[in-house]
N, C-alpha and C. Protein backbone atom coordinates (compact mmCIF):
# COMPACT_ATOMS: atom_id res chain seq x y z
N UNK A 1 -22.51 0.29 -15.33
CA UNK A 1 -20.96 1.24 -15.30
C UNK A 1 -20.71 1.05 -14.03
N UNK A 2 -19.37 1.59 -13.37
CA UNK A 2 -18.20 1.24 -12.88
C UNK A 2 -18.60 3.11 -11.57
N UNK A 3 -18.90 3.79 -11.74
CA UNK A 3 -19.35 5.12 -11.57
C UNK A 3 -20.17 5.35 -10.72
N UNK A 4 -19.82 5.19 -9.03
CA UNK A 4 -20.66 5.35 -8.44
C UNK A 4 -20.22 6.09 -7.18
N UNK A 5 -20.78 6.30 -6.16
CA UNK A 5 -20.04 7.29 -4.69
C UNK A 5 -20.48 6.57 -3.75
N UNK A 6 -19.73 6.32 -2.66
CA UNK A 6 -20.55 6.20 -0.89
C UNK A 6 -20.22 7.10 -0.47
N UNK A 7 -20.99 7.60 0.21
CA UNK A 7 -21.35 8.67 1.22
C UNK A 7 -20.76 8.02 2.51
N UNK A 8 -19.76 8.48 3.47
CA UNK A 8 -19.26 7.94 4.56
C UNK A 8 -20.16 8.57 5.67
N UNK A 9 -20.06 8.07 7.00
CA UNK A 9 -21.04 8.44 7.97
C UNK A 9 -19.93 9.05 9.03
N UNK A 10 -18.75 9.09 8.85
CA UNK A 10 -17.62 9.68 9.68
C UNK A 10 -17.79 11.13 10.04
N UNK A 11 -17.75 11.95 11.27
CA UNK A 11 -18.20 12.79 11.39
C UNK A 11 -17.40 13.09 12.61
N UNK A 12 -16.92 12.58 13.24
CA UNK A 12 -15.87 12.35 14.78
C UNK A 12 -14.06 12.55 14.17
N UNK A 13 -13.70 11.56 13.44
CA UNK A 13 -12.38 11.54 13.12
C UNK A 13 -11.43 12.18 11.94
N UNK A 14 -11.01 13.09 12.53
CA UNK A 14 -10.48 14.13 10.89
C UNK A 14 -9.37 13.37 10.63
N UNK A 15 -8.89 12.38 11.50
CA UNK A 15 -7.63 11.58 10.83
C UNK A 15 -8.06 10.58 10.08
N UNK A 16 -8.89 9.87 10.00
CA UNK A 16 -9.48 8.59 9.19
C UNK A 16 -9.51 8.41 7.84
N UNK A 17 -9.02 7.67 7.40
CA UNK A 17 -8.48 7.26 6.44
C UNK A 17 -9.36 6.39 5.39
N UNK A 18 -10.35 5.83 5.17
CA UNK A 18 -11.60 5.25 4.73
C UNK A 18 -10.49 4.05 3.21
N UNK A 19 -11.10 3.05 3.62
CA UNK A 19 -10.25 2.43 2.53
C UNK A 19 -11.79 1.56 1.99
N UNK A 20 -11.46 0.91 0.41
CA UNK A 20 -12.39 0.06 -0.07
C UNK A 20 -11.98 -0.98 -0.72
N UNK A 21 -12.42 -2.11 -1.05
CA UNK A 21 -12.35 -3.09 -2.22
C UNK A 21 -13.77 -3.90 -2.84
N UNK A 22 -13.46 -4.11 -3.81
CA UNK A 22 -14.49 -4.70 -4.59
C UNK A 22 -13.99 -5.97 -4.23
N UNK A 23 -15.03 -6.76 -3.73
CA UNK A 23 -15.56 -8.58 -4.08
C UNK A 23 -16.25 -8.52 -5.72
N UNK A 24 -16.59 -7.82 -6.33
CA UNK A 24 -17.07 -8.84 -7.33
C UNK A 24 -18.09 -7.61 -8.21
N UNK A 25 -18.95 -7.33 -9.18
CA UNK A 25 -19.30 -6.33 -9.68
C UNK A 25 -20.31 -5.88 -9.33
N UNK A 26 -20.63 -6.32 -7.82
CA UNK A 26 -22.02 -5.83 -6.99
C UNK A 26 -21.50 -5.40 -5.92
N UNK A 27 -20.52 -6.54 -5.44
CA UNK A 27 -20.39 -6.45 -3.67
C UNK A 27 -19.10 -5.22 -3.46
N UNK A 28 -19.39 -4.13 -2.51
CA UNK A 28 -17.59 -2.93 -2.36
C UNK A 28 -17.95 -3.16 -0.71
N UNK A 29 -16.85 -3.75 0.01
CA UNK A 29 -16.54 -4.01 1.13
C UNK A 29 -15.62 -2.19 1.47
N UNK A 30 -15.93 -1.38 2.63
CA UNK A 30 -15.45 -0.44 2.82
C UNK A 30 -15.55 0.24 4.31
N UNK A 31 -14.48 0.98 4.75
CA UNK A 31 -14.27 1.18 6.41
C UNK A 31 -15.17 2.35 6.75
N UNK A 32 -15.47 2.63 7.57
CA UNK A 32 -16.07 3.95 8.13
C UNK A 32 -16.23 3.93 9.67
N UNK A 33 -16.06 5.02 9.82
CA UNK A 33 -16.84 5.27 11.98
C UNK A 33 -18.01 5.85 11.89
N UNK A 34 -18.12 4.67 13.29
CA UNK A 34 -19.67 5.32 13.65
C UNK A 34 -20.55 6.65 14.61
N UNK A 35 -21.41 6.87 14.79
CA UNK A 35 -20.98 7.87 15.55
C UNK A 35 -20.74 7.77 17.24
N UNK A 36 -20.14 6.94 17.65
CA UNK A 36 -19.45 6.25 18.80
C UNK A 36 -17.97 6.40 18.69
N UNK A 37 -17.46 7.12 17.73
CA UNK A 37 -16.04 6.89 17.06
C UNK A 37 -15.38 5.56 16.67
N UNK A 38 -16.02 4.42 16.61
CA UNK A 38 -15.76 2.93 16.16
C UNK A 38 -15.67 2.49 14.80
N UNK A 39 -14.59 1.96 14.48
CA UNK A 39 -14.01 2.35 12.87
C UNK A 39 -14.81 0.38 12.87
N UNK A 40 -15.86 0.42 11.83
CA UNK A 40 -16.44 -0.86 10.82
C UNK A 40 -15.84 -1.38 9.96
N UNK A 41 -16.17 -2.34 9.26
CA UNK A 41 -16.50 -2.92 7.82
C UNK A 41 -17.87 -2.73 7.25
N UNK A 42 -18.04 -1.77 6.54
CA UNK A 42 -19.55 -2.26 5.75
C UNK A 42 -19.62 -2.88 4.62
N UNK A 43 -20.94 -3.72 3.98
CA UNK A 43 -21.16 -4.58 2.92
C UNK A 43 -21.73 -3.39 2.21
N UNK A 44 -21.31 -3.25 0.83
CA UNK A 44 -22.73 -2.37 0.35
C UNK A 44 -22.71 -3.16 -0.98
N UNK A 45 -24.00 -3.28 -1.48
CA UNK A 45 -24.32 -4.25 -2.89
C UNK A 45 -24.87 -2.86 -3.48
N UNK A 46 -24.16 -2.65 -4.63
CA UNK A 46 -24.51 -1.49 -5.57
C UNK A 46 -25.72 -1.73 -6.41
N UNK A 47 -26.41 -3.17 -6.60
CA UNK A 47 -27.46 -3.50 -7.20
C UNK A 47 -28.46 -3.12 -6.49
N UNK A 48 -28.86 -3.52 -5.02
CA UNK A 48 -29.60 -3.15 -4.51
C UNK A 48 -29.41 -1.58 -3.94
N UNK A 49 -28.26 -1.08 -3.33
CA UNK A 49 -28.15 -0.12 -2.72
C UNK A 49 -28.19 0.02 -1.12
N UNK A 50 -28.61 -1.68 -0.95
CA UNK A 50 -28.31 -2.39 0.84
C UNK A 50 -27.11 -1.80 1.22
N UNK A 51 -27.01 -1.54 2.67
CA UNK A 51 -25.60 -1.71 3.65
C UNK A 51 -25.65 -2.03 4.73
N UNK A 52 -24.92 -3.27 4.80
CA UNK A 52 -24.70 -4.48 5.69
C UNK A 52 -23.75 -4.56 6.50
N UNK A 53 -23.66 -4.16 7.95
CA UNK A 53 -22.32 -4.21 8.97
C UNK A 53 -21.71 -5.56 8.54
N UNK A 54 -20.27 -5.40 8.25
CA UNK A 54 -19.45 -6.86 8.25
C UNK A 54 -18.71 -7.01 9.21
N UNK A 55 -17.90 -6.17 9.60
CA UNK A 55 -17.07 -6.22 10.78
C UNK A 55 -17.12 -4.94 11.77
N UNK A 56 -16.92 -4.92 12.89
CA UNK A 56 -17.19 -3.50 13.65
C UNK A 56 -15.95 -4.19 14.81
N UNK A 57 -14.99 -3.37 14.85
CA UNK A 57 -14.07 -2.98 15.90
C UNK A 57 -14.43 -3.14 17.20
N UNK A 58 -13.64 -3.71 18.43
CA UNK A 58 -14.23 -3.85 19.88
C UNK A 58 -14.40 -2.48 20.44
N UNK A 59 -13.57 -1.49 20.07
CA UNK A 59 -13.50 -0.28 20.82
C UNK A 59 -13.41 0.62 19.90
N UNK A 60 -13.10 2.05 20.06
CA UNK A 60 -12.06 3.13 19.38
C UNK A 60 -11.16 3.19 19.28
N UNK A 61 -9.96 2.25 19.93
CA UNK A 61 -9.16 2.57 20.57
C UNK A 61 -8.37 1.11 19.47
N UNK A 62 -9.24 0.68 18.55
CA UNK A 62 -9.00 -0.19 17.54
C UNK A 62 -8.73 0.14 15.97
N UNK A 63 -7.74 0.18 15.45
CA UNK A 63 -7.47 0.71 13.65
C UNK A 63 -7.85 -0.86 13.29
N UNK A 64 -9.17 -0.86 11.84
CA UNK A 64 -9.06 -2.11 11.15
C UNK A 64 -8.91 -1.65 9.47
N UNK A 65 -8.23 -2.58 9.40
CA UNK A 65 -8.05 -2.48 7.69
C UNK A 65 -8.58 -3.68 6.99
N UNK A 66 -8.78 -3.67 5.81
CA UNK A 66 -9.22 -4.49 4.79
C UNK A 66 -7.93 -4.62 3.54
N UNK A 67 -7.53 -5.60 2.98
CA UNK A 67 -7.15 -5.63 2.27
C UNK A 67 -7.52 -6.71 1.16
N UNK A 68 -7.29 -6.47 -0.43
CA UNK A 68 -7.85 -7.75 -1.51
C UNK A 68 -6.79 -7.99 -2.31
N UNK A 69 -6.21 -9.23 -2.01
CA UNK A 69 -5.12 -10.10 -3.20
C UNK A 69 -6.10 -11.20 -4.09
N UNK A 70 -5.86 -11.38 -5.02
CA UNK A 70 -6.42 -12.17 -6.10
C UNK A 70 -7.11 -13.45 -5.53
N UNK A 71 -6.58 -13.98 -4.34
CA UNK A 71 -7.40 -15.28 -3.61
C UNK A 71 -7.98 -14.92 -2.52
N UNK A 72 -8.01 -13.69 -1.98
CA UNK A 72 -8.18 -14.04 -0.92
C UNK A 72 -8.74 -12.49 0.13
N UNK A 73 -9.54 -12.16 0.85
CA UNK A 73 -9.70 -10.65 2.00
C UNK A 73 -8.68 -10.82 2.76
N UNK A 74 -8.56 -9.84 3.37
CA UNK A 74 -7.72 -10.16 4.54
C UNK A 74 -8.16 -9.05 5.56
N UNK A 75 -8.71 -9.21 6.50
CA UNK A 75 -9.16 -8.23 7.66
C UNK A 75 -7.70 -7.99 8.70
N UNK A 76 -7.42 -6.53 8.91
CA UNK A 76 -6.52 -6.47 10.04
C UNK A 76 -6.87 -5.46 11.08
N UNK A 77 -6.90 -5.91 12.29
CA UNK A 77 -7.47 -5.28 13.73
C UNK A 77 -6.07 -5.29 14.55
N UNK A 78 -5.91 -3.67 14.85
CA UNK A 78 -4.57 -3.26 15.03
C UNK A 78 -5.12 -2.38 16.53
N UNK A 79 -4.45 -2.38 18.14
CA UNK A 79 -4.48 -1.79 18.71
C UNK A 79 -3.72 -0.37 18.36
N UNK A 80 -4.34 0.60 19.23
CA UNK A 80 -4.07 1.92 18.97
C UNK A 80 -2.90 2.60 20.45
N UNK A 81 -3.38 1.81 21.47
CA UNK A 81 -3.02 2.45 22.64
C UNK A 81 -3.05 1.57 23.46
N UNK A 82 -2.63 1.42 25.13
CA UNK A 82 -2.38 0.98 26.11
C UNK A 82 -3.36 0.06 26.29
N UNK A 83 -4.54 1.00 25.95
CA UNK A 83 -5.81 0.51 26.29
C UNK A 83 -6.73 -0.64 25.82
N UNK A 84 -6.00 -0.82 25.12
CA UNK A 84 -6.48 -1.77 23.53
C UNK A 84 -5.28 -2.23 23.08
N UNK A 85 -4.57 -3.82 23.45
CA UNK A 85 -3.02 -4.11 23.11
C UNK A 85 -3.66 -5.30 22.59
N UNK A 86 -2.34 -5.48 21.17
CA UNK A 86 -2.49 -6.69 20.11
C UNK A 86 -3.44 -6.48 18.88
N UNK A 87 -3.03 -6.89 18.42
CA UNK A 87 -3.05 -7.35 16.89
C UNK A 87 -3.48 -8.67 16.45
N UNK A 88 -4.14 -8.40 14.77
CA UNK A 88 -4.54 -9.53 14.73
C UNK A 88 -5.31 -9.55 12.78
N UNK A 89 -4.68 -10.75 12.53
CA UNK A 89 -4.91 -10.41 10.97
C UNK A 89 -5.97 -11.82 10.85
N UNK A 90 -7.11 -11.82 9.36
CA UNK A 90 -7.92 -13.01 9.18
C UNK A 90 -7.91 -12.69 7.55
N UNK A 91 -8.75 -13.95 7.31
CA UNK A 91 -8.26 -14.30 6.52
C UNK A 91 -9.52 -14.81 5.63
N UNK A 92 -10.22 -14.06 4.52
CA UNK A 92 -11.73 -14.84 3.70
C UNK A 92 -11.84 -14.90 2.62
N UNK A 93 -12.91 -15.89 2.27
CA UNK A 93 -12.42 -15.94 1.18
C UNK A 93 -13.05 -14.76 -0.03
N UNK A 94 -13.30 -14.97 -0.94
CA UNK A 94 -13.22 -13.67 -1.85
C UNK A 94 -15.01 -13.04 -2.26
N UNK A 95 -15.53 -14.03 -1.41
CA UNK A 95 -16.83 -14.26 -1.62
C UNK A 95 -17.53 -14.39 -0.41
N UNK A 96 -17.17 -13.63 1.26
CA UNK A 96 -17.87 -14.18 2.57
C UNK A 96 -18.80 -13.88 2.69
N UNK A 97 -19.42 -14.69 3.54
CA UNK A 97 -20.60 -14.50 3.71
C UNK A 97 -20.54 -13.53 5.33
N UNK A 98 -22.10 -12.85 5.55
CA UNK A 98 -22.29 -11.60 6.55
C UNK A 98 -22.13 -12.35 7.98
N UNK A 99 -21.53 -12.52 8.69
CA UNK A 99 -21.27 -13.44 9.98
C UNK A 99 -19.75 -14.18 10.16
N UNK A 100 -19.47 -14.20 8.85
CA UNK A 100 -18.27 -15.27 8.93
C UNK A 100 -17.47 -14.87 9.89
N UNK A 101 -16.29 -15.58 10.73
CA UNK A 101 -15.50 -14.95 11.39
C UNK A 101 -13.79 -15.04 11.16
N UNK A 102 -13.93 -15.92 9.76
CA UNK A 102 -12.38 -15.70 9.05
C UNK A 102 -11.30 -16.85 9.89
N UNK A 103 -10.52 -16.71 9.24
CA UNK A 103 -9.34 -17.77 9.46
C UNK A 103 -8.24 -16.38 10.18
N UNK A 104 -7.78 -16.93 11.30
CA UNK A 104 -6.73 -16.09 11.96
C UNK A 104 -5.25 -16.43 11.57
N UNK A 105 -4.55 -15.32 10.65
CA UNK A 105 -3.28 -15.90 10.22
C UNK A 105 -2.44 -15.37 11.15
N UNK A 106 -2.41 -14.56 11.93
CA UNK A 106 -1.62 -13.69 12.50
C UNK A 106 -1.85 -13.58 13.92
N UNK A 107 -1.62 -13.45 15.04
CA UNK A 107 -1.53 -12.55 16.14
C UNK A 107 -0.71 -12.55 16.60
N UNK A 108 -0.51 -11.06 17.41
CA UNK A 108 0.64 -10.71 18.46
C UNK A 108 -0.15 -9.99 19.55
N UNK A 109 0.40 -9.49 21.02
CA UNK A 109 0.15 -9.19 21.71
C UNK A 109 0.34 -7.90 21.79
N UNK A 110 1.26 -7.41 20.49
CA UNK A 110 1.47 -6.24 20.61
C UNK A 110 0.90 -5.24 19.94
N UNK A 111 0.89 -3.80 19.69
CA UNK A 111 0.24 -3.14 18.63
C UNK A 111 0.99 -2.88 17.48
N UNK A 112 0.74 -3.77 16.44
CA UNK A 112 1.20 -3.41 15.46
C UNK A 112 1.00 -2.14 14.62
N UNK A 113 2.11 -1.85 13.32
CA UNK A 113 1.80 -0.54 12.74
C UNK A 113 0.18 -0.90 11.79
N UNK A 114 0.81 -1.94 11.71
CA UNK A 114 -0.21 -2.53 10.18
C UNK A 114 0.09 -2.16 8.49
N UNK A 115 -0.85 -0.93 8.16
CA UNK A 115 -0.38 -0.96 6.90
C UNK A 115 -0.49 -2.12 6.14
N UNK A 116 -1.12 -2.93 5.83
CA UNK A 116 -1.16 -3.97 5.08
C UNK A 116 -0.89 -3.64 3.65
N UNK A 117 -0.20 -4.49 2.73
CA UNK A 117 -0.06 -4.77 1.70
C UNK A 117 -0.20 -6.24 1.20
N UNK A 118 -1.06 -6.65 0.41
CA UNK A 118 -1.35 -8.12 0.16
C UNK A 118 -1.73 -8.18 -1.47
N UNK A 119 -0.87 -7.50 -2.66
CA UNK A 119 -1.13 -7.46 -3.91
C UNK A 119 -0.21 -7.29 -4.53
N UNK A 120 1.15 -8.03 -3.38
CA UNK A 120 2.68 -8.12 -4.74
C UNK A 120 3.01 -9.72 -4.62
N UNK A 121 2.65 -10.33 -4.16
CA UNK A 121 3.15 -11.68 -3.99
C UNK A 121 2.04 -13.01 -3.47
N UNK A 122 1.63 -13.74 -4.05
CA UNK A 122 0.80 -14.55 -4.06
C UNK A 122 1.01 -15.73 -2.78
N UNK A 123 0.18 -15.48 -1.62
CA UNK A 123 0.25 -16.09 -0.67
C UNK A 123 1.12 -15.13 0.41
N UNK A 124 1.10 -14.16 0.21
CA UNK A 124 2.34 -13.30 1.09
C UNK A 124 1.59 -12.26 1.34
N UNK A 125 1.43 -11.87 2.81
CA UNK A 125 0.97 -10.57 3.13
C UNK A 125 1.71 -9.53 3.76
N UNK A 126 1.95 -8.52 3.27
CA UNK A 126 3.18 -7.76 4.01
C UNK A 126 2.31 -6.67 4.69
N UNK A 127 3.33 -6.41 6.41
CA UNK A 127 2.53 -5.44 7.02
C UNK A 127 3.92 -4.61 7.88
N UNK A 128 3.77 -3.67 8.82
CA UNK A 128 4.87 -3.66 9.35
C UNK A 128 4.04 -4.12 11.18
N UNK A 129 5.26 -4.19 11.29
CA UNK A 129 5.17 -5.25 12.84
C UNK A 129 5.82 -4.48 14.20
N UNK A 130 4.96 -4.82 15.09
CA UNK A 130 5.68 -3.96 16.08
C UNK A 130 6.85 -5.26 17.25
N UNK A 131 8.43 -4.95 16.46
CA UNK A 131 9.08 -5.55 17.16
C UNK A 131 9.77 -5.36 18.57
N UNK A 132 9.28 -4.30 19.21
CA UNK A 132 9.84 -3.75 20.27
C UNK A 132 9.76 -4.97 21.57
N UNK A 133 11.00 -5.09 22.55
CA UNK A 133 11.31 -6.12 22.93
C UNK A 133 11.15 -5.49 24.72
N UNK A 134 10.37 -5.99 25.57
CA UNK A 134 10.53 -5.22 27.28
C UNK A 134 10.33 -4.12 27.12
N UNK A 135 11.01 -3.15 27.93
CA UNK A 135 11.49 -1.86 28.03
C UNK A 135 12.36 -1.44 27.14
N UNK A 136 12.53 -2.01 26.06
CA UNK A 136 13.87 -1.12 25.47
C UNK A 136 13.08 -0.49 24.43
N UNK A 137 14.16 0.25 23.46
CA UNK A 137 13.48 1.36 22.50
C UNK A 137 12.15 0.67 21.46
N UNK A 138 11.57 1.28 21.16
CA UNK A 138 10.58 0.65 20.06
C UNK A 138 11.09 0.64 18.75
N UNK A 139 10.65 -0.58 18.07
CA UNK A 139 11.07 -1.23 16.74
C UNK A 139 10.04 -1.77 15.90
N UNK A 140 9.93 -0.97 14.79
CA UNK A 140 9.10 -1.25 13.88
C UNK A 140 9.37 -1.56 12.34
N UNK A 141 9.12 -2.77 12.29
CA UNK A 141 9.56 -3.44 10.84
C UNK A 141 8.89 -3.53 9.92
N UNK A 142 9.44 -4.10 8.82
CA UNK A 142 8.19 -4.49 7.46
C UNK A 142 8.50 -5.89 7.60
N UNK A 143 7.65 -6.54 7.63
CA UNK A 143 7.78 -8.38 7.81
C UNK A 143 6.80 -8.95 6.31
N UNK A 144 7.49 -9.89 6.15
CA UNK A 144 6.37 -10.81 4.93
C UNK A 144 5.85 -11.82 6.18
N UNK A 145 4.24 -11.93 5.69
CA UNK A 145 3.90 -12.89 6.18
C UNK A 145 3.43 -14.13 5.45
N UNK A 146 4.08 -15.33 5.49
CA UNK A 146 3.80 -16.42 5.12
C UNK A 146 2.20 -16.85 5.06
N UNK A 147 0.97 -16.85 4.55
CA UNK A 147 0.14 -17.20 5.16
C UNK A 147 -0.55 -18.53 5.24
N UNK A 148 0.15 -19.47 4.36
CA UNK A 148 -0.29 -20.38 4.68
C UNK A 148 0.87 -21.53 5.66
N UNK A 149 1.74 -21.05 6.20
CA UNK A 149 2.83 -21.34 7.00
C UNK A 149 2.72 -20.29 8.41
N UNK A 150 1.39 -19.23 8.16
CA UNK A 150 1.49 -18.66 9.24
C UNK A 150 3.02 -18.41 9.72
N UNK A 151 3.63 -17.69 9.24
CA UNK A 151 4.73 -17.54 9.28
C UNK A 151 5.61 -16.22 9.15
N UNK A 152 6.04 -15.42 9.81
CA UNK A 152 6.44 -13.79 9.30
C UNK A 152 7.93 -13.78 9.04
N UNK A 153 8.34 -13.08 8.26
CA UNK A 153 9.92 -13.12 8.09
C UNK A 153 10.05 -11.27 7.70
N UNK A 154 11.29 -11.07 8.99
CA UNK A 154 11.56 -9.79 8.83
C UNK A 154 12.49 -9.31 7.64
N UNK A 155 12.21 -8.11 7.13
CA UNK A 155 12.74 -7.50 5.71
C UNK A 155 13.98 -6.48 6.25
N UNK A 156 13.32 -5.58 7.12
CA UNK A 156 14.49 -4.23 7.25
C UNK A 156 14.74 -4.32 8.46
N UNK A 157 16.10 -3.44 8.66
CA UNK A 157 16.41 -3.03 9.74
C UNK A 157 16.47 -1.79 10.45
N UNK A 158 15.32 -0.90 10.06
CA UNK A 158 15.64 0.86 10.16
C UNK A 158 15.11 1.00 11.77
N UNK A 159 14.38 0.54 12.50
CA UNK A 159 13.87 0.90 13.52
C UNK A 159 12.41 0.91 13.48
N UNK A 160 12.09 2.08 12.55
CA UNK A 160 10.59 2.74 12.39
C UNK A 160 10.08 2.69 11.03
N UNK A 161 10.18 1.77 10.70
CA UNK A 161 8.99 1.85 9.60
C UNK A 161 8.33 1.84 9.15
N UNK A 162 7.20 2.52 8.43
CA UNK A 162 5.52 2.96 8.84
C UNK A 162 5.16 2.49 7.80
N UNK A 163 5.26 2.18 6.19
CA UNK A 163 4.73 1.98 5.20
C UNK A 163 5.45 1.32 4.33
N UNK A 164 4.45 0.78 3.33
CA UNK A 164 4.79 -0.29 2.32
C UNK A 164 4.43 0.24 0.98
N UNK A 165 4.96 0.03 -0.58
CA UNK A 165 4.68 0.57 -1.47
C UNK A 165 5.02 -0.20 -2.67
N UNK A 166 3.74 -0.80 -3.40
CA UNK A 166 3.67 -1.57 -4.38
C UNK A 166 4.27 -1.00 -5.73
N UNK A 167 5.24 -0.65 -6.52
CA UNK A 167 5.43 0.00 -7.54
C UNK A 167 5.52 -0.45 -8.98
N UNK A 168 5.05 -0.88 -9.72
CA UNK A 168 6.01 -1.67 -10.89
C UNK A 168 7.04 -2.64 -11.06
N UNK A 169 5.71 -3.94 -9.66
CA UNK A 169 6.89 -4.75 -9.60
C UNK A 169 7.42 -4.81 -8.63
N UNK A 170 7.67 -4.00 -7.36
CA UNK A 170 8.85 -3.76 -7.11
C UNK A 170 8.62 -3.45 -5.79
N UNK A 171 8.73 -3.82 -4.56
CA UNK A 171 7.93 -3.84 -3.00
C UNK A 171 8.90 -2.70 -2.50
N UNK A 172 8.54 -1.59 -2.18
CA UNK A 172 9.76 -0.13 -1.85
C UNK A 172 9.05 0.43 -0.39
N UNK A 173 10.16 0.64 0.67
CA UNK A 173 10.10 1.13 1.94
C UNK A 173 10.40 2.54 1.89
N UNK A 174 9.47 3.51 1.83
CA UNK A 174 9.70 4.78 2.11
C UNK A 174 10.32 5.00 3.35
N UNK A 175 11.08 5.68 2.97
CA UNK A 175 12.18 5.90 4.53
C UNK A 175 13.18 7.23 4.95
N UNK A 176 12.74 8.18 5.12
CA UNK A 176 13.54 9.28 5.33
C UNK A 176 13.91 10.06 4.10
N UNK A 177 12.83 10.26 3.41
CA UNK A 177 12.83 10.49 2.08
C UNK A 177 13.49 9.85 0.79
N UNK A 178 13.58 8.53 1.37
CA UNK A 178 14.39 7.76 0.20
C UNK A 178 13.58 6.81 -0.13
N UNK A 179 13.85 6.13 -0.71
CA UNK A 179 12.85 4.99 -1.24
C UNK A 179 13.81 3.46 -1.55
N UNK A 180 13.55 2.47 -0.62
CA UNK A 180 14.30 1.24 -0.35
C UNK A 180 13.47 0.08 -1.14
N UNK A 181 14.43 -0.48 -2.12
CA UNK A 181 13.69 -2.10 -2.35
C UNK A 181 14.18 -3.08 -1.83
N UNK A 182 13.16 -3.57 -1.23
CA UNK A 182 12.99 -4.72 -0.54
C UNK A 182 12.79 -6.25 -1.36
N UNK A 183 11.81 -6.09 -2.15
CA UNK A 183 11.90 -7.25 -3.19
C UNK A 183 11.28 -6.96 -4.60
N UNK A 184 11.24 -7.55 -5.47
CA UNK A 184 11.23 -7.34 -6.85
C UNK A 184 12.45 -7.37 -7.71
N UNK A 185 12.37 -7.13 -9.22
CA UNK A 185 13.32 -7.38 -10.28
C UNK A 185 13.83 -6.34 -10.15
N UNK A 186 15.37 -6.09 -9.87
CA UNK A 186 16.23 -4.60 -9.60
C UNK A 186 16.77 -4.97 -10.79
N UNK A 187 17.04 -6.01 -11.86
CA UNK A 187 17.80 -5.77 -12.96
C UNK A 187 17.16 -5.27 -14.37
N UNK A 188 15.77 -4.86 -14.01
CA UNK A 188 14.71 -3.79 -14.61
C UNK A 188 14.87 -2.64 -14.49
N UNK A 189 15.73 -2.10 -13.51
CA UNK A 189 15.69 -0.82 -13.70
C UNK A 189 17.01 -0.11 -13.47
N UNK A 190 16.97 1.05 -14.41
CA UNK A 190 18.23 1.96 -14.79
C UNK A 190 17.35 3.24 -14.64
N UNK A 191 18.09 4.01 -14.25
CA UNK A 191 17.85 5.16 -13.47
C UNK A 191 18.28 6.48 -14.40
N UNK A 192 19.38 6.04 -15.06
CA UNK A 192 19.60 6.98 -16.40
C UNK A 192 18.77 7.69 -17.18
N UNK A 193 18.62 8.63 -17.46
CA UNK A 193 18.27 9.56 -17.86
C UNK A 193 18.53 9.92 -19.48
N UNK A 194 19.67 9.01 -19.82
CA UNK A 194 20.34 9.43 -21.13
C UNK A 194 19.71 8.85 -22.29
N UNK A 195 19.11 9.25 -23.54
CA UNK A 195 18.22 8.56 -24.19
C UNK A 195 18.31 7.59 -24.94
N UNK A 196 19.50 6.91 -24.79
CA UNK A 196 20.02 5.62 -25.19
C UNK A 196 19.32 4.73 -24.19
N UNK A 197 19.61 4.65 -23.14
CA UNK A 197 18.99 4.31 -21.37
C UNK A 197 17.63 4.11 -21.71
N UNK A 198 16.82 4.94 -22.22
CA UNK A 198 15.48 5.06 -22.14
C UNK A 198 14.94 4.17 -23.24
N UNK A 199 15.70 4.12 -24.59
CA UNK A 199 15.26 3.30 -25.44
C UNK A 199 14.52 4.59 -26.60
N UNK A 200 15.39 5.71 -26.29
CA UNK A 200 15.30 6.87 -27.22
C UNK A 200 16.11 6.89 -28.30
N UNK A 201 15.71 6.78 -30.03
CA UNK A 201 16.84 7.12 -31.01
C UNK A 201 17.46 8.40 -30.58
N UNK A 202 19.06 8.45 -30.57
CA UNK A 202 19.44 9.78 -31.25
C UNK A 202 18.96 10.45 -32.08
N UNK A 203 18.87 11.55 -31.94
CA UNK A 203 18.64 12.35 -33.34
C UNK A 203 19.82 12.22 -34.19
N UNK A 204 20.01 12.35 -35.48
CA UNK A 204 20.56 12.22 -36.57
C UNK A 204 20.86 14.25 -36.64
N UNK A 205 22.64 14.36 -36.50
CA UNK A 205 22.54 15.69 -36.30
C UNK A 205 22.91 16.58 -37.81
N UNK A 206 22.20 18.03 -37.57
CA UNK A 206 21.71 18.67 -38.62
C UNK A 206 22.73 19.17 -39.07
N UNK A 207 23.85 19.06 -40.46
CA UNK A 207 24.98 19.70 -41.08
C UNK A 207 24.56 21.22 -40.95
N UNK A 208 25.80 21.76 -40.82
CA UNK A 208 25.57 23.28 -40.71
C UNK A 208 25.98 23.60 -42.13
N UNK A 209 25.67 24.90 -43.13
CA UNK A 209 26.46 25.05 -44.26
C UNK A 209 27.91 25.49 -44.45
N UNK A 210 28.33 24.94 -44.96
CA UNK A 210 30.18 25.68 -45.03
C UNK A 210 30.04 27.16 -45.47
N UNK A 211 30.89 27.71 -44.31
CA UNK A 211 30.79 29.23 -44.31
C UNK A 211 31.52 29.62 -45.19
N UNK A 212 31.18 30.97 -45.75
CA UNK A 212 31.98 31.70 -46.88
C UNK A 212 33.26 31.98 -46.47
N UNK A 213 34.11 31.95 -47.31
CA UNK A 213 35.67 32.41 -46.57
C UNK A 213 35.92 33.76 -46.82
N UNK A 214 36.67 34.06 -46.13
CA UNK A 214 36.69 35.63 -45.31
C UNK A 214 37.90 36.01 -46.58
N UNK A 215 37.98 37.33 -47.08
CA UNK A 215 38.63 38.18 -47.99
C UNK A 215 40.29 38.60 -46.91
N UNK A 216 41.46 38.22 -47.87
CA UNK A 216 42.22 38.47 -47.08
C UNK A 216 42.43 40.18 -47.24
N UNK A 217 42.15 40.44 -48.52
CA UNK A 217 42.74 41.64 -48.96
C UNK A 217 41.60 42.65 -48.96
N UNK A 218 41.70 43.95 -48.91
CA UNK A 218 40.70 44.67 -49.17
C UNK A 218 40.43 45.17 -50.16
N UNK A 219 38.88 45.08 -50.96
CA UNK A 219 38.92 45.10 -52.22
C UNK A 219 38.95 46.32 -52.78
N UNK A 220 39.25 46.55 -54.10
CA UNK A 220 39.49 47.86 -55.13
C UNK A 220 38.72 48.91 -54.50
N UNK A 221 39.04 50.07 -54.37
CA UNK A 221 37.74 50.93 -54.34
C UNK A 221 37.10 51.20 -55.55
N UNK A 222 36.00 51.86 -55.02
CA UNK A 222 35.05 52.03 -56.75
C UNK A 222 35.49 52.81 -57.36
C-alpha cells in the first residue's frame, strides 16, 4: 500500500517547506532540517524503515531542492545570503547510489531563487535565475535549462519572477495576481463560460401553455 507517513526532524525553521519524491515503490527521498539548521536530503526505504543521509548542505545558508522527471533526479543547491554565494544543479539517475556526486548541469556565482520544475518537458529543467548585473537593480527571471546542452534560455522579462506552475500541459508564471502562459498548447484554451463553449448541449425550451382570451365585455348579470 502507498499509504504511509514520514516524520520530520525539523524543529528550528518554521518557514521550511519539505519536498519529497518517490524513486520507486520502496525508496523515497525527502528534505529535512537537522538540529543545526542545515538542510539535507534523506533516503527512506519503506520496506526496511531505514533512513540514510543522501545529501547535506554545506551550511545553514543554503537551500536544497529535489525534483524528479521521468528519466532523472535533480538536486538544486542555492545560496541564501552573501555569506554563501552561488547556485548549482546536479543530475542523478533515477536509482542513485548513496555517495554518488551527481553530474553538474548548471552552476552560477549568484544566488538563484530556484523553485525547480522538471516534469513539464523531457530534457528541460525550469527554475528562477538571478540575472542581476553588477550593482544594478535585482532581477530574477524564469529560465529553461537544456540539460544536455547545459544552456539556459530566458523566458520572462518581469524583473521579479518567483515560481512556476505546471497545470494541464501549460507552464504558468504567477505574477502580481495573474497567471501568464510561458509554454504549452494555448490553442486548447477557451475561457468562455457559455454552455456551447464547454461542450454542454443547450436545453430544449419548455413551451408555455397558450393563455386564455380575456373577455372584452362584461358578463350578463346573474
